[in-house]
């Protein structure tokens, strides 16, 4: 019985190492017409990249951008400047943590209620037409 418990403990530790990064926190808030995401890592092991993903409540996740890791105990931020392009007001974000072996895990999900003025939404749509 001792061997089974020891073996089980080894598997638990190994699976934690595959996560690549330990996030101390991950938050998102509506700020100045955009959504600002922030997260802090305590430990980064073998991390290749962080991929920021967003979805609406009934939609699928889309990739918004990729952040290069800086190392242990780092603070990261990402500003989603494209939330005005949708008529939704509730967004769900997560971080996909990809290691050098292309294995990945996801952070917890955070939800943001984003209120944006109709003027900014219209102006942003007009600017997007001329890009």
N, C-alpha and C. Protein backbone atom coordinates (compact mmCIF):
# COMPACT_ATOMS: atom_id res chain seq x y z
N UNK A 1 0.82 -1.18 0.00
CA UNK A 1 0.00 0.00 0.00
C UNK A 1 0.86 1.25 0.00
N UNK A 2 1.98 1.24 0.70
CA UNK A 2 2.86 2.40 0.71
C UNK A 2 3.38 2.73 -0.68
N UNK A 3 3.71 1.73 -1.45
CA UNK A 3 4.23 1.96 -2.79
C UNK A 3 3.19 2.65 -3.67
N UNK A 4 1.95 2.30 -3.55
CA UNK A 4 0.90 2.92 -4.36
C UNK A 4 0.74 4.39 -3.99
N UNK A 5 0.74 4.72 -2.71
CA UNK A 5 0.62 6.10 -2.26
C UNK A 5 1.81 6.91 -2.75
N UNK A 6 3.02 6.39 -2.61
CA UNK A 6 4.22 7.09 -3.07
C UNK A 6 4.16 7.31 -4.57
N UNK A 7 3.76 6.32 -5.32
CA UNK A 7 3.66 6.44 -6.77
C UNK A 7 2.62 7.50 -7.15
N UNK A 8 1.49 7.50 -6.44
CA UNK A 8 0.45 8.49 -6.70
C UNK A 8 0.95 9.91 -6.43
N UNK A 9 1.72 10.09 -5.37
CA UNK A 9 2.29 11.39 -5.06
C UNK A 9 3.24 11.84 -6.15
N UNK A 10 4.04 10.96 -6.68
CA UNK A 10 4.96 11.28 -7.77
C UNK A 10 4.21 11.77 -9.00
N UNK A 11 3.12 11.12 -9.33
CA UNK A 11 2.32 11.55 -10.49
C UNK A 11 1.74 12.93 -10.27
N UNK A 12 1.31 13.22 -9.05
CA UNK A 12 0.75 14.53 -8.74
C UNK A 12 1.80 15.62 -8.92
N UNK A 13 2.99 15.41 -8.44
CA UNK A 13 4.06 16.40 -8.58
C UNK A 13 4.44 16.57 -10.05
N UNK A 14 4.54 15.49 -10.79
CA UNK A 14 4.90 15.58 -12.20
C UNK A 14 3.86 16.36 -12.98
N UNK A 15 2.58 16.14 -12.72
CA UNK A 15 1.55 16.85 -13.47
C UNK A 15 1.58 18.34 -13.16
N UNK A 16 1.98 18.74 -11.95
CA UNK A 16 2.08 20.15 -11.62
C UNK A 16 3.21 20.82 -12.40
N UNK A 17 4.29 20.11 -12.64
CA UNK A 17 5.41 20.65 -13.41
C UNK A 17 4.99 20.92 -14.85
N UNK A 18 4.12 20.12 -15.42
CA UNK A 18 3.69 20.32 -16.80
C UNK A 18 2.89 21.60 -16.99
N UNK A 19 2.37 22.16 -15.91
CA UNK A 19 1.57 23.38 -16.03
C UNK A 19 2.42 24.53 -16.58
N UNK A 20 3.71 24.54 -16.36
CA UNK A 20 4.59 25.55 -16.93
C UNK A 20 4.72 26.81 -16.11
N UNK A 21 3.63 27.33 -15.59
CA UNK A 21 3.68 28.56 -14.80
C UNK A 21 2.65 28.48 -13.68
N UNK A 22 3.00 29.06 -12.57
CA UNK A 22 2.07 29.18 -11.45
C UNK A 22 1.65 30.63 -11.36
N UNK A 23 0.37 30.89 -11.58
CA UNK A 23 -0.14 32.25 -11.54
C UNK A 23 -0.54 32.61 -10.11
N UNK A 24 -0.03 33.73 -9.62
CA UNK A 24 -0.45 34.23 -8.31
C UNK A 24 -1.83 34.85 -8.42
N UNK A 25 -2.07 35.57 -9.49
CA UNK A 25 -3.41 36.10 -9.73
C UNK A 25 -3.60 36.40 -11.21
N UNK A 26 -4.86 36.50 -11.61
CA UNK A 26 -5.25 36.84 -12.97
C UNK A 26 -6.54 37.65 -12.85
N UNK A 27 -6.53 38.88 -13.36
CA UNK A 27 -7.71 39.73 -13.24
C UNK A 27 -7.96 40.49 -14.54
N UNK A 28 -9.18 40.97 -14.68
CA UNK A 28 -9.56 41.77 -15.85
C UNK A 28 -10.56 42.83 -15.40
N UNK A 29 -10.46 44.01 -16.02
CA UNK A 29 -11.41 45.08 -15.69
C UNK A 29 -11.63 45.98 -16.90
N UNK A 30 -12.80 46.56 -16.96
CA UNK A 30 -13.14 47.53 -17.99
C UNK A 30 -12.49 48.85 -17.61
N UNK A 31 -11.72 49.42 -18.55
CA UNK A 31 -10.96 50.62 -18.23
C UNK A 31 -10.80 51.49 -19.48
N UNK A 32 -11.32 52.70 -19.48
CA UNK A 32 -11.16 53.67 -20.56
C UNK A 32 -11.58 53.12 -21.93
N UNK A 33 -12.67 52.40 -21.98
CA UNK A 33 -13.18 51.88 -23.25
C UNK A 33 -12.54 50.59 -23.71
N UNK A 34 -11.58 50.08 -22.95
CA UNK A 34 -10.91 48.82 -23.27
C UNK A 34 -11.07 47.87 -22.09
N UNK A 35 -10.56 46.67 -22.24
CA UNK A 35 -10.50 45.74 -21.11
C UNK A 35 -9.03 45.47 -20.83
N UNK A 36 -8.62 45.68 -19.59
CA UNK A 36 -7.22 45.48 -19.19
C UNK A 36 -7.11 44.19 -18.39
N UNK A 37 -6.24 43.31 -18.83
CA UNK A 37 -5.96 42.06 -18.13
C UNK A 37 -4.60 42.16 -17.47
N UNK A 38 -4.48 41.61 -16.27
CA UNK A 38 -3.20 41.57 -15.57
C UNK A 38 -3.05 40.21 -14.90
N UNK A 39 -1.82 39.71 -14.89
CA UNK A 39 -1.52 38.48 -14.15
C UNK A 39 -0.08 38.51 -13.69
N UNK A 40 0.16 37.77 -12.63
CA UNK A 40 1.50 37.68 -12.06
C UNK A 40 1.85 36.22 -11.88
N UNK A 41 3.08 35.89 -12.27
CA UNK A 41 3.55 34.52 -12.10
C UNK A 41 4.47 34.44 -10.89
N UNK A 42 4.41 33.32 -10.22
CA UNK A 42 5.35 33.05 -9.13
C UNK A 42 6.53 32.25 -9.68
N UNK A 43 6.22 31.34 -10.59
CA UNK A 43 7.24 30.44 -11.13
C UNK A 43 6.91 30.18 -12.60
N UNK A 44 7.92 30.23 -13.43
CA UNK A 44 7.76 29.90 -14.85
C UNK A 44 8.80 28.85 -15.20
N UNK A 45 8.34 27.67 -15.57
CA UNK A 45 9.23 26.58 -15.92
C UNK A 45 8.93 26.14 -17.34
N UNK A 46 9.89 26.29 -18.24
CA UNK A 46 9.76 25.77 -19.59
C UNK A 46 8.63 26.45 -20.39
N UNK A 47 8.27 27.68 -20.05
CA UNK A 47 7.17 28.38 -20.72
C UNK A 47 7.66 29.00 -22.02
N UNK A 48 6.94 28.72 -23.11
CA UNK A 48 7.25 29.31 -24.41
C UNK A 48 6.48 30.61 -24.63
N UNK A 49 5.18 30.62 -24.22
CA UNK A 49 4.37 31.81 -24.46
C UNK A 49 3.08 31.76 -23.64
N UNK A 50 2.51 32.93 -23.47
CA UNK A 50 1.18 33.07 -22.90
C UNK A 50 0.27 33.58 -24.03
N UNK A 51 -0.85 32.92 -24.24
CA UNK A 51 -1.80 33.33 -25.27
C UNK A 51 -3.06 33.82 -24.57
N UNK A 52 -3.42 35.07 -24.85
CA UNK A 52 -4.62 35.66 -24.26
C UNK A 52 -5.81 35.28 -25.14
N UNK A 53 -6.86 34.74 -24.52
CA UNK A 53 -8.04 34.32 -25.25
C UNK A 53 -9.29 34.97 -24.66
N UNK A 54 -10.28 35.23 -25.54
CA UNK A 54 -11.54 35.84 -25.11
C UNK A 54 -12.71 35.15 -25.78
N UNK A 55 -13.83 35.14 -25.08
CA UNK A 55 -15.07 34.66 -25.67
C UNK A 55 -16.23 35.43 -25.07
N UNK A 56 -17.36 35.35 -25.73
CA UNK A 56 -18.61 35.84 -25.15
C UNK A 56 -19.22 34.65 -24.42
N UNK A 57 -20.27 34.89 -23.69
CA UNK A 57 -20.86 33.80 -22.89
C UNK A 57 -21.24 32.59 -23.72
N UNK A 58 -21.76 32.79 -24.91
CA UNK A 58 -22.22 31.66 -25.72
C UNK A 58 -21.35 31.42 -26.94
N UNK A 59 -20.20 32.06 -26.99
CA UNK A 59 -19.31 31.90 -28.14
C UNK A 59 -18.14 31.00 -27.83
N UNK A 60 -17.24 30.92 -28.78
CA UNK A 60 -16.01 30.14 -28.64
C UNK A 60 -14.84 31.07 -28.38
N UNK A 61 -13.82 30.55 -27.76
CA UNK A 61 -12.63 31.36 -27.50
C UNK A 61 -11.93 31.72 -28.80
N UNK A 62 -11.43 32.97 -28.85
CA UNK A 62 -10.57 33.42 -29.94
C UNK A 62 -9.26 33.91 -29.32
N UNK A 63 -8.19 33.76 -30.07
CA UNK A 63 -6.89 34.21 -29.61
C UNK A 63 -6.75 35.71 -29.89
N UNK A 64 -6.34 36.47 -28.88
CA UNK A 64 -6.19 37.92 -29.04
C UNK A 64 -4.74 38.34 -29.21
N UNK A 65 -3.83 37.60 -28.62
CA UNK A 65 -2.43 37.98 -28.70
C UNK A 65 -1.56 37.03 -27.91
N UNK A 66 -0.26 37.14 -28.16
CA UNK A 66 0.73 36.28 -27.53
C UNK A 66 1.72 37.15 -26.76
N UNK A 67 2.04 36.73 -25.55
CA UNK A 67 2.99 37.43 -24.70
C UNK A 67 4.19 36.51 -24.46
N UNK A 68 5.39 37.05 -24.63
CA UNK A 68 6.62 36.31 -24.36
C UNK A 68 6.91 36.32 -22.86
N UNK A 69 7.24 35.17 -22.28
CA UNK A 69 7.50 35.13 -20.85
C UNK A 69 8.76 35.91 -20.47
N UNK A 70 8.74 36.48 -19.26
CA UNK A 70 9.87 37.28 -18.76
C UNK A 70 10.66 36.54 -17.69
N UNK A 71 10.07 35.50 -17.11
CA UNK A 71 10.76 34.76 -16.05
C UNK A 71 9.96 34.79 -14.75
N UNK A 72 10.48 34.09 -13.76
CA UNK A 72 9.81 33.98 -12.47
C UNK A 72 9.46 35.35 -11.88
N UNK A 73 8.36 35.38 -11.13
CA UNK A 73 7.92 36.58 -10.41
C UNK A 73 7.73 37.78 -11.33
N UNK A 74 7.08 37.57 -12.46
CA UNK A 74 6.87 38.66 -13.42
C UNK A 74 5.42 39.10 -13.44
N UNK A 75 5.22 40.37 -13.73
CA UNK A 75 3.90 40.97 -13.86
C UNK A 75 3.63 41.21 -15.34
N UNK A 76 2.45 40.82 -15.80
CA UNK A 76 2.08 40.96 -17.20
C UNK A 76 0.79 41.75 -17.31
N UNK A 77 0.63 42.47 -18.42
CA UNK A 77 -0.64 43.12 -18.70
C UNK A 77 -0.91 43.05 -20.19
N UNK A 78 -2.18 43.04 -20.53
CA UNK A 78 -2.63 42.99 -21.91
C UNK A 78 -3.89 43.84 -22.01
N UNK A 79 -3.95 44.71 -23.02
CA UNK A 79 -5.13 45.55 -23.20
C UNK A 79 -5.88 45.10 -24.44
N UNK A 80 -7.12 44.72 -24.23
CA UNK A 80 -8.00 44.31 -25.34
C UNK A 80 -8.67 45.57 -25.86
N UNK A 81 -8.19 46.05 -27.00
CA UNK A 81 -8.70 47.28 -27.60
C UNK A 81 -9.81 47.02 -28.61
N UNK A 82 -10.19 45.77 -28.79
CA UNK A 82 -11.16 45.42 -29.83
C UNK A 82 -12.54 45.05 -29.30
N UNK A 83 -12.81 45.31 -28.04
CA UNK A 83 -14.11 44.93 -27.50
C UNK A 83 -15.25 45.79 -28.06
N UNK A 84 -14.92 46.96 -28.61
CA UNK A 84 -15.96 47.81 -29.17
C UNK A 84 -16.54 47.26 -30.46
N UNK A 85 -15.88 46.29 -31.06
CA UNK A 85 -16.32 45.75 -32.35
C UNK A 85 -17.47 44.76 -32.22
N UNK A 86 -17.88 44.48 -31.03
CA UNK A 86 -18.96 43.53 -30.80
C UNK A 86 -20.08 44.19 -30.01
N UNK A 87 -21.25 43.67 -30.13
CA UNK A 87 -22.39 44.24 -29.41
C UNK A 87 -22.55 43.59 -28.03
N UNK A 88 -21.70 42.65 -27.71
CA UNK A 88 -21.77 41.99 -26.41
C UNK A 88 -21.19 42.90 -25.32
N UNK A 89 -21.63 42.70 -24.11
CA UNK A 89 -21.15 43.48 -22.98
C UNK A 89 -20.52 42.62 -21.89
N UNK A 90 -20.59 41.31 -22.04
CA UNK A 90 -20.03 40.40 -21.06
C UNK A 90 -19.01 39.51 -21.76
N UNK A 91 -17.77 39.54 -21.26
CA UNK A 91 -16.68 38.80 -21.89
C UNK A 91 -16.01 37.89 -20.87
N UNK A 92 -15.50 36.76 -21.35
CA UNK A 92 -14.78 35.80 -20.52
C UNK A 92 -13.37 35.67 -21.10
N UNK A 93 -12.38 35.81 -20.24
CA UNK A 93 -10.98 35.74 -20.66
C UNK A 93 -10.28 34.59 -19.95
N UNK A 94 -9.23 34.07 -20.60
CA UNK A 94 -8.35 33.09 -19.98
C UNK A 94 -6.97 33.22 -20.62
N UNK A 95 -5.98 32.65 -19.95
CA UNK A 95 -4.61 32.61 -20.46
C UNK A 95 -4.27 31.17 -20.78
N UNK A 96 -3.84 30.96 -22.01
CA UNK A 96 -3.33 29.64 -22.41
C UNK A 96 -1.82 29.67 -22.18
N UNK A 97 -1.33 28.79 -21.32
CA UNK A 97 0.09 28.73 -20.99
C UNK A 97 0.71 27.59 -21.79
N UNK A 98 1.57 27.94 -22.75
CA UNK A 98 2.16 26.96 -23.66
C UNK A 98 3.62 26.75 -23.30
N UNK A 99 4.02 25.48 -23.12
CA UNK A 99 5.42 25.22 -22.81
C UNK A 99 6.21 24.91 -24.08
N UNK A 100 7.50 24.72 -23.92
CA UNK A 100 8.39 24.51 -25.07
C UNK A 100 8.11 23.20 -25.81
N UNK A 101 7.41 22.27 -25.18
CA UNK A 101 7.04 21.00 -25.81
C UNK A 101 5.66 21.07 -26.46
N UNK A 102 5.11 22.28 -26.56
CA UNK A 102 3.78 22.55 -27.13
C UNK A 102 2.63 21.98 -26.30
N UNK A 103 2.91 21.56 -25.08
CA UNK A 103 1.83 21.19 -24.16
C UNK A 103 1.29 22.48 -23.58
N UNK A 104 0.03 22.48 -23.19
CA UNK A 104 -0.55 23.70 -22.66
C UNK A 104 -1.59 23.42 -21.59
N UNK A 105 -1.79 24.42 -20.77
CA UNK A 105 -2.84 24.42 -19.76
C UNK A 105 -3.50 25.80 -19.81
N UNK A 106 -4.64 25.91 -19.13
CA UNK A 106 -5.37 27.17 -19.11
C UNK A 106 -5.46 27.72 -17.69
N UNK A 107 -5.45 29.03 -17.60
CA UNK A 107 -5.68 29.68 -16.33
C UNK A 107 -7.16 29.58 -15.99
N UNK A 108 -7.52 30.08 -14.84
CA UNK A 108 -8.94 30.19 -14.51
C UNK A 108 -9.55 31.23 -15.47
N UNK A 109 -10.85 31.20 -15.59
CA UNK A 109 -11.55 32.18 -16.42
C UNK A 109 -11.93 33.38 -15.56
N UNK A 110 -11.85 34.57 -16.16
CA UNK A 110 -12.34 35.78 -15.49
C UNK A 110 -13.38 36.42 -16.40
N UNK A 111 -14.42 36.96 -15.79
CA UNK A 111 -15.51 37.56 -16.54
C UNK A 111 -15.53 39.06 -16.30
N UNK A 112 -15.78 39.81 -17.38
CA UNK A 112 -15.81 41.27 -17.31
C UNK A 112 -17.10 41.77 -17.94
N UNK A 113 -17.76 42.68 -17.26
CA UNK A 113 -18.87 43.41 -17.85
C UNK A 113 -18.27 44.69 -18.40
N UNK A 114 -18.40 44.89 -19.70
CA UNK A 114 -17.76 46.02 -20.36
C UNK A 114 -18.82 46.98 -20.88
N UNK A 115 -18.83 48.16 -20.34
CA UNK A 115 -19.75 49.20 -20.80
C UNK A 115 -18.97 50.20 -21.64
N UNK A 116 -19.41 50.39 -22.85
CA UNK A 116 -18.76 51.31 -23.76
C UNK A 116 -19.82 52.19 -24.38
N UNK A 117 -19.48 53.43 -24.59
CA UNK A 117 -20.47 54.35 -25.15
C UNK A 117 -20.76 54.01 -26.61
N UNK A 118 -21.97 54.29 -27.04
CA UNK A 118 -22.35 54.06 -28.44
C UNK A 118 -21.50 54.90 -29.38
N UNK A 119 -21.06 56.09 -28.94
CA UNK A 119 -20.22 56.96 -29.77
C UNK A 119 -18.89 56.26 -30.05
N UNK A 120 -18.24 55.73 -29.02
CA UNK A 120 -16.96 55.04 -29.23
C UNK A 120 -17.15 53.79 -30.07
N UNK A 121 -18.22 53.06 -29.84
CA UNK A 121 -18.48 51.85 -30.62
C UNK A 121 -18.65 52.20 -32.10
N UNK A 122 -19.40 53.25 -32.41
CA UNK A 122 -19.61 53.68 -33.80
C UNK A 122 -18.32 54.19 -34.40
N UNK A 123 -17.59 55.04 -33.68
CA UNK A 123 -16.33 55.58 -34.18
C UNK A 123 -15.32 54.46 -34.43
N UNK A 124 -15.26 53.50 -33.54
CA UNK A 124 -14.34 52.37 -33.73
C UNK A 124 -14.70 51.55 -34.96
N UNK A 125 -15.97 51.38 -35.22
CA UNK A 125 -16.40 50.64 -36.41
C UNK A 125 -16.04 51.39 -37.67
N UNK A 126 -16.19 52.71 -37.66
CA UNK A 126 -15.84 53.52 -38.83
C UNK A 126 -14.34 53.45 -39.09
N UNK A 127 -13.52 53.56 -38.03
CA UNK A 127 -12.06 53.47 -38.20
C UNK A 127 -11.66 52.11 -38.76
N UNK A 128 -12.31 51.05 -38.33
CA UNK A 128 -11.98 49.70 -38.78
C UNK A 128 -12.25 49.54 -40.28
N UNK A 129 -13.23 50.24 -40.81
CA UNK A 129 -13.53 50.13 -42.24
C UNK A 129 -12.41 50.67 -43.11
N UNK A 130 -11.63 51.63 -42.60
CA UNK A 130 -10.59 52.27 -43.40
C UNK A 130 -9.19 51.73 -43.13
N UNK A 131 -9.09 50.66 -42.39
CA UNK A 131 -7.77 50.06 -42.13
C UNK A 131 -7.34 49.19 -43.27
